[in-house]
Amino acid sequence: MAKIPTVHNPVNFDPASYEVVDYLDNKRPGYYGQGIEAFEAEVKFWEADMLRVFGEDWRKKVRRCVHCGNGRVRWITATKHLPTGQTVVFGSDCTFRLDFANKQEWKLAVLKSKAEAGHARIKVWNARVKFLEANPAFAAAVEQAKNAVHAKNSFVQDVVGKLNIYGSLSERQVAAVLKSLARDVEVAGQKAVEATEVKGNAPEGRQTVTGVILSTKRVEGFYGVQEKMLVKLENNSRVWTTVPSKADAGRGDTITFTASFEVSKDDKSFGFGKRPTLVSVAKAVAA
């Protein structure tokens, strides 16, 4: 058994030297079928309580009562030792025997606050369940979001996190999540196709080319904000260039334009275009 600090043991103990901080359950929350997400949230709440009260080394502090030395305490009283400022643990048996000031009033207040907090969490979880039952497509999307293809989608993770906190989402948030997940799948499909397709060399010099716009992006540059586009050409090479002026073009459109091209030093199938001029645009056919 580890040595009990002399100042806390029964021989030298002075109740007036201590101030109650919190009353905690030392046992990690258990899983009883409440849903893995609810269980993980409960564990995080518990760990946050321990960290708040005892600091980074809470795992070492919470196992042993500093008064009697019992190393298997569960119901613990976190107390501040006023002379040293340290927060230490008293087991439930020792707490019961000690005459802490206002102990009963304090325990009642803590138990009520914990009950209210627990009730609030249960209320949110029940609201979440009802929300998912009323929105089966989104419920399926929440499960889909756990797939590897969505692992880097921080937007979806953030919104799903809000659902776990508030119990519901707006129609705009639901629509945005569904759109974002669909985009993940689309991009993954494109990458799978790209991995198997044979790519030709990117154009070089001043040429006229035709291709499909894969994406557009507004970029801040030396000449201010410019609209850029990534275009997949007919030989499967790709070029990155400014959208030609007056071109009403977006993702999925087929564009023909003239530009001065330079091939990437790292990839012969990728090029950069300068000073583009529009020849024509064929709008994508709506599905």
Protein backbone atom coordinates (compact mmCIF):
# COMPACT_ATOMS: atom_id res chain seq x y z
CA MET A 1 0.00 0.00 0.00
CA ALA A 2 1.26 3.47 -0.87
CA LYS A 3 2.27 5.68 2.03
CA ILE A 4 -0.52 7.97 3.26
CA PRO A 5 0.49 11.64 3.37
CA THR A 6 0.96 12.46 7.08
CA VAL A 7 -1.07 15.68 6.95
CA HIS A 8 -4.21 13.82 5.78
CA ASN A 9 -4.16 10.68 7.95
CA PRO A 10 -6.44 10.26 10.98
CA VAL A 11 -3.77 11.20 13.54
CA ASN A 12 -3.17 14.74 12.26
CA PHE A 13 -6.41 15.35 10.37
CA ASP A 14 -8.07 18.77 10.82
CA PRO A 15 -11.48 19.14 9.06
CA ALA A 16 -11.13 22.93 9.11
CA SER A 17 -8.21 22.62 6.68
CA TYR A 18 -10.44 21.24 3.92
CA GLU A 19 -13.06 22.63 1.57
CA VAL A 20 -15.38 20.36 -0.41
CA VAL A 21 -15.04 20.81 -4.18
CA ASP A 22 -17.22 18.09 -5.69
CA TYR A 23 -18.80 14.69 -5.11
CA LEU A 24 -18.02 12.21 -7.90
CA ASP A 25 -18.49 8.66 -9.05
CA ASN A 26 -15.04 7.16 -9.56
CA LYS A 27 -16.39 4.39 -11.81
CA ARG A 28 -16.25 4.91 -15.57
CA PRO A 29 -19.79 4.94 -17.08
CA GLY A 30 -20.91 1.55 -18.35
CA TYR A 31 -22.61 0.59 -21.60
CA TYR A 32 -26.18 -0.63 -21.08
CA GLY A 33 -27.61 -0.40 -24.61
CA GLN A 34 -28.15 3.37 -24.69
CA GLY A 35 -26.51 3.65 -28.12
CA ILE A 36 -22.78 3.89 -28.77
CA GLU A 37 -22.86 7.64 -29.42
CA ALA A 38 -24.75 8.32 -26.19
CA PHE A 39 -22.34 6.05 -24.30
CA GLU A 40 -19.27 7.80 -25.73
CA ALA A 41 -20.77 11.19 -24.87
CA GLU A 42 -21.43 10.01 -21.31
CA VAL A 43 -17.82 8.86 -20.94
CA LYS A 44 -16.59 12.23 -22.20
CA PHE A 45 -18.78 14.06 -19.67
CA TRP A 46 -17.36 11.87 -16.89
CA GLU A 47 -13.74 12.39 -17.98
CA ALA A 48 -14.34 16.14 -18.30
CA ASP A 49 -15.61 16.23 -14.69
CA MET A 50 -12.51 14.43 -13.45
CA LEU A 51 -10.20 16.68 -15.47
CA ARG A 52 -11.97 19.82 -14.24
CA VAL A 53 -11.69 18.84 -10.59
CA PHE A 54 -8.31 17.10 -10.37
CA GLY A 55 -6.32 18.31 -13.41
CA GLU A 56 -4.30 16.38 -16.00
CA ASP A 57 -3.13 13.68 -13.54
CA TRP A 58 -6.66 12.86 -12.35
CA ARG A 59 -6.25 9.13 -13.12
CA LYS A 60 -3.56 8.84 -10.44
CA LYS A 61 -5.45 10.85 -7.83
CA VAL A 62 -8.90 9.31 -7.90
CA ARG A 63 -7.97 5.73 -7.00
CA ARG A 64 -6.99 6.16 -3.36
CA CYS A 65 -8.47 7.80 -0.27
CA VAL A 66 -5.77 10.02 1.27
CA HIS A 67 -7.34 9.64 4.71
CA CYS A 68 -7.42 5.84 5.16
CA GLY A 69 -5.37 4.66 2.18
CA ASN A 70 -8.13 2.54 0.59
CA GLY A 71 -7.12 2.05 -3.05
CA ARG A 72 -10.50 0.85 -4.34
CA VAL A 73 -12.80 3.79 -3.59
CA ARG A 74 -15.74 4.52 -5.88
CA TRP A 75 -17.89 7.30 -4.41
CA ILE A 76 -15.35 10.03 -3.77
CA THR A 77 -15.35 13.49 -2.25
CA ALA A 78 -12.94 15.89 -3.94
CA THR A 79 -11.64 18.28 -1.29
CA LYS A 80 -9.23 21.18 -1.44
CA HIS A 81 -6.53 21.12 1.21
CA LEU A 82 -6.43 24.84 2.03
CA PRO A 83 -2.86 25.06 3.41
CA THR A 84 -1.37 23.52 0.22
CA GLY A 85 -4.06 24.25 -2.38
CA GLN A 86 -4.03 20.60 -3.48
CA THR A 87 -7.23 18.78 -4.42
CA VAL A 88 -7.32 15.34 -2.78
CA VAL A 89 -9.69 12.39 -2.55
CA PHE A 90 -11.69 11.09 0.41
CA GLY A 91 -13.61 7.83 -0.01
CA SER A 92 -17.31 7.69 0.83
CA ASP A 93 -16.79 5.91 4.16
CA CYS A 94 -14.27 8.49 5.35
CA THR A 95 -16.45 11.33 4.06
CA PHE A 96 -19.36 10.00 6.10
CA ARG A 97 -17.24 9.95 9.26
CA LEU A 98 -15.74 13.42 8.73
CA ASP A 99 -17.40 16.59 9.89
CA PHE A 100 -17.05 18.83 6.82
CA ALA A 101 -18.82 22.17 7.17
CA ASN A 102 -22.19 22.37 5.38
CA LYS A 103 -21.66 18.87 4.00
CA GLN A 104 -25.34 17.92 3.80
CA GLU A 105 -26.40 21.19 2.14
CA TRP A 106 -23.57 20.90 -0.34
CA LYS A 107 -24.35 17.26 -1.17
CA LEU A 108 -28.00 18.08 -1.74
CA ALA A 109 -27.12 20.93 -4.12
CA VAL A 110 -24.65 18.79 -6.07
CA LEU A 111 -27.01 15.85 -6.37
CA LYS A 112 -29.80 18.13 -7.61
CA SER A 113 -27.55 19.78 -10.18
CA LYS A 114 -26.31 16.41 -11.43
CA ALA A 115 -29.87 15.10 -11.65
CA GLU A 116 -30.91 18.14 -13.66
CA ALA A 117 -27.90 17.80 -15.96
CA GLY A 118 -28.64 14.11 -16.45
CA HIS A 119 -32.28 14.88 -17.19
CA ALA A 120 -31.22 17.48 -19.76
CA ARG A 121 -28.94 14.97 -21.50
CA ILE A 122 -31.70 12.36 -21.58
CA LYS A 123 -34.13 14.96 -22.96
CA VAL A 124 -31.68 15.87 -25.75
CA TRP A 125 -31.07 12.22 -26.58
CA ASN A 126 -34.81 11.49 -26.78
CA ALA A 127 -35.26 14.53 -29.03
CA ARG A 128 -32.44 13.23 -31.23
CA VAL A 129 -34.10 9.81 -31.51
CA LYS A 130 -37.45 11.38 -32.50
CA PHE A 131 -35.72 13.68 -35.01
CA LEU A 132 -33.98 10.75 -36.72
CA GLU A 133 -37.21 8.72 -36.74
CA ALA A 134 -38.96 11.64 -38.47
CA ASN A 135 -36.08 12.01 -40.95
CA PRO A 136 -35.15 8.48 -42.07
CA ALA A 137 -33.05 9.71 -45.01
CA PHE A 138 -30.94 11.80 -42.67
CA ALA A 139 -30.74 8.94 -40.14
CA ALA A 140 -29.28 6.76 -42.90
CA ALA A 141 -26.90 9.60 -43.78
CA VAL A 142 -25.66 9.78 -40.16
CA GLU A 143 -24.73 6.09 -40.38
CA GLN A 144 -23.23 6.63 -43.84
CA ALA A 145 -21.05 9.45 -42.47
CA LYS A 146 -19.08 6.84 -40.48
CA ASN A 147 -17.73 5.31 -43.72
CA ALA A 148 -14.10 5.90 -44.66
CA VAL A 149 -15.05 7.93 -47.74
CA HIS A 150 -16.37 10.67 -45.43
CA ALA A 151 -13.54 10.51 -42.86
CA LYS A 152 -12.14 13.93 -43.79
CA ASN A 153 -15.50 15.69 -44.04
CA SER A 154 -15.19 17.98 -41.01
CA PHE A 155 -18.35 19.90 -41.99
CA VAL A 156 -20.57 16.83 -41.67
CA GLN A 157 -18.87 15.80 -38.43
CA ASP A 158 -19.50 19.26 -37.00
CA VAL A 159 -23.20 19.27 -37.94
CA VAL A 160 -23.76 15.75 -36.59
CA GLY A 161 -22.05 16.92 -33.40
CA LYS A 162 -24.61 19.74 -33.15
CA LEU A 163 -27.39 17.17 -33.48
CA ASN A 164 -25.96 15.31 -30.48
CA ILE A 165 -25.86 18.56 -28.48
CA TYR A 166 -29.23 20.09 -29.41
CA GLY A 167 -31.31 17.07 -30.45
CA SER A 168 -32.44 18.47 -33.81
CA LEU A 169 -31.29 20.36 -36.92
CA SER A 170 -32.78 22.84 -39.36
CA GLU A 171 -33.95 21.84 -42.84
CA ARG A 172 -31.02 23.77 -44.32
CA GLN A 173 -28.53 21.87 -42.17
CA VAL A 174 -30.07 18.53 -43.17
CA ALA A 175 -29.97 19.45 -46.85
CA ALA A 176 -26.37 20.65 -46.59
CA VAL A 177 -25.25 17.39 -44.94
CA LEU A 178 -26.97 15.24 -47.58
CA LYS A 179 -25.42 17.32 -50.36
CA SER A 180 -21.96 17.16 -48.77
CA LEU A 181 -22.10 13.38 -48.33
CA ALA A 182 -23.25 12.93 -51.93
CA ARG A 183 -20.34 15.08 -53.04
CA ASP A 184 -17.92 12.85 -51.11
CA VAL A 185 -19.23 9.80 -52.94
CA GLU A 186 -19.05 11.60 -56.29
CA VAL A 187 -15.46 12.70 -55.72
CA ALA A 188 -14.47 9.20 -54.58
CA GLY A 189 -16.04 7.79 -57.74
CA GLN A 190 -14.16 10.30 -59.89
CA LYS A 191 -10.89 9.39 -58.21
CA ALA A 192 -11.56 5.68 -58.79
CA VAL A 193 -12.16 6.34 -62.47
CA GLU A 194 -9.11 8.57 -62.70
CA ALA A 195 -6.95 5.85 -61.18
CA THR A 196 -7.80 3.47 -64.05
CA GLU A 197 -8.03 5.83 -67.02
CA VAL A 198 -5.13 6.46 -69.40
CA LYS A 199 -4.10 10.12 -69.37
CA GLY A 200 -2.59 11.89 -72.33
CA ASN A 201 -0.07 14.72 -72.21
CA ALA A 202 -1.28 18.17 -71.24
CA PRO A 203 -1.19 20.82 -74.00
CA GLU A 204 1.82 23.10 -74.37
CA GLY A 205 2.07 26.53 -75.99
CA ARG A 206 -0.81 28.53 -77.44
CA GLN A 207 -3.58 26.09 -78.32
CA THR A 208 -7.34 25.71 -78.57
CA VAL A 209 -8.71 22.89 -76.43
CA THR A 210 -12.05 21.37 -75.45
CA GLY A 211 -12.95 19.75 -72.16
CA VAL A 212 -15.40 19.35 -69.29
CA ILE A 213 -15.16 21.67 -66.29
CA LEU A 214 -14.59 19.56 -63.15
CA SER A 215 -14.67 22.44 -60.69
CA THR A 216 -14.40 26.21 -60.31
CA LYS A 217 -12.92 28.27 -57.51
CA ARG A 218 -12.53 31.96 -56.66
CA VAL A 219 -8.85 32.67 -55.96
CA GLU A 220 -7.23 35.80 -54.53
CA GLY A 221 -4.22 36.78 -56.67
CA PHE A 222 -2.04 39.65 -57.80
CA TYR A 223 -4.82 40.98 -60.01
CA GLY A 224 -7.51 40.59 -57.36
CA VAL A 225 -10.09 37.82 -57.09
CA GLN A 226 -10.24 35.59 -60.16
CA GLU A 227 -12.47 32.66 -61.07
CA LYS A 228 -10.36 29.59 -61.79
CA MET A 229 -11.41 26.30 -63.37
CA LEU A 230 -10.11 22.74 -63.53
CA VAL A 231 -10.84 21.27 -66.95
CA LYS A 232 -10.60 17.63 -68.06
CA LEU A 233 -9.61 17.55 -71.73
CA GLU A 234 -10.57 14.99 -74.36
CA ASN A 235 -7.36 12.97 -73.83
CA ASN A 236 -8.02 12.82 -70.03
CA SER A 237 -5.29 15.35 -69.24
CA ARG A 238 -6.23 18.25 -66.98
CA VAL A 239 -5.54 21.96 -67.05
CA TRP A 240 -5.93 24.70 -64.43
CA THR A 241 -6.63 28.16 -65.73
CA THR A 242 -8.69 31.32 -65.34
CA VAL A 243 -12.28 31.14 -66.54
CA PRO A 244 -12.39 33.18 -69.77
CA SER A 245 -14.03 36.58 -69.38
CA LYS A 246 -17.76 36.70 -70.12
CA ALA A 247 -17.92 32.89 -70.02
CA ASP A 248 -21.08 31.72 -68.28
CA ALA A 249 -19.60 28.34 -67.39
CA GLY A 250 -19.63 26.06 -64.36
CA ARG A 251 -19.01 22.49 -63.24
CA GLY A 252 -20.15 19.92 -65.79
CA ASP A 253 -20.21 22.33 -68.75
CA THR A 254 -18.17 21.58 -71.87
CA ILE A 255 -15.94 24.50 -72.78
CA THR A 256 -13.75 25.27 -75.80
CA PHE A 257 -11.13 27.97 -75.29
CA THR A 258 -7.73 29.14 -76.43
CA ALA A 259 -4.88 29.70 -73.96
CA SER A 260 -1.11 29.58 -73.53
CA PHE A 261 -0.27 26.34 -71.71
CA GLU A 262 2.67 25.16 -69.65
CA VAL A 263 3.09 21.50 -68.62
CA SER A 264 3.65 20.69 -64.94
CA LYS A 265 7.19 19.59 -64.11
CA ASP A 266 5.83 16.85 -61.83
CA ASP A 267 3.03 15.46 -64.02
CA LYS A 268 2.98 15.51 -67.82
CA SER A 269 -0.80 15.00 -67.79
CA PHE A 270 -1.37 18.29 -65.91
CA GLY A 271 -0.95 21.81 -67.27
CA PHE A 272 -1.49 25.48 -66.42
CA GLY A 273 -3.18 27.94 -68.76
CA LYS A 274 -2.71 31.70 -69.15
CA ARG A 275 -4.64 34.43 -70.96
CA PRO A 276 -7.63 32.26 -71.99
CA THR A 277 -10.14 33.42 -74.58
CA LEU A 278 -13.55 31.81 -74.95
CA VAL A 279 -14.56 29.96 -78.11
CA SER A 280 -17.79 28.31 -76.94
CA VAL A 281 -19.64 26.78 -73.98
CA ALA A 282 -22.09 23.88 -74.04
CA LYS A 283 -24.13 23.77 -70.84
CA ALA A 284 -24.39 20.46 -69.03
CA VAL A 285 -27.67 18.61 -69.52
CA ALA A 286 -29.65 18.50 -66.26
CA ALA A 287 -30.20 14.94 -64.96
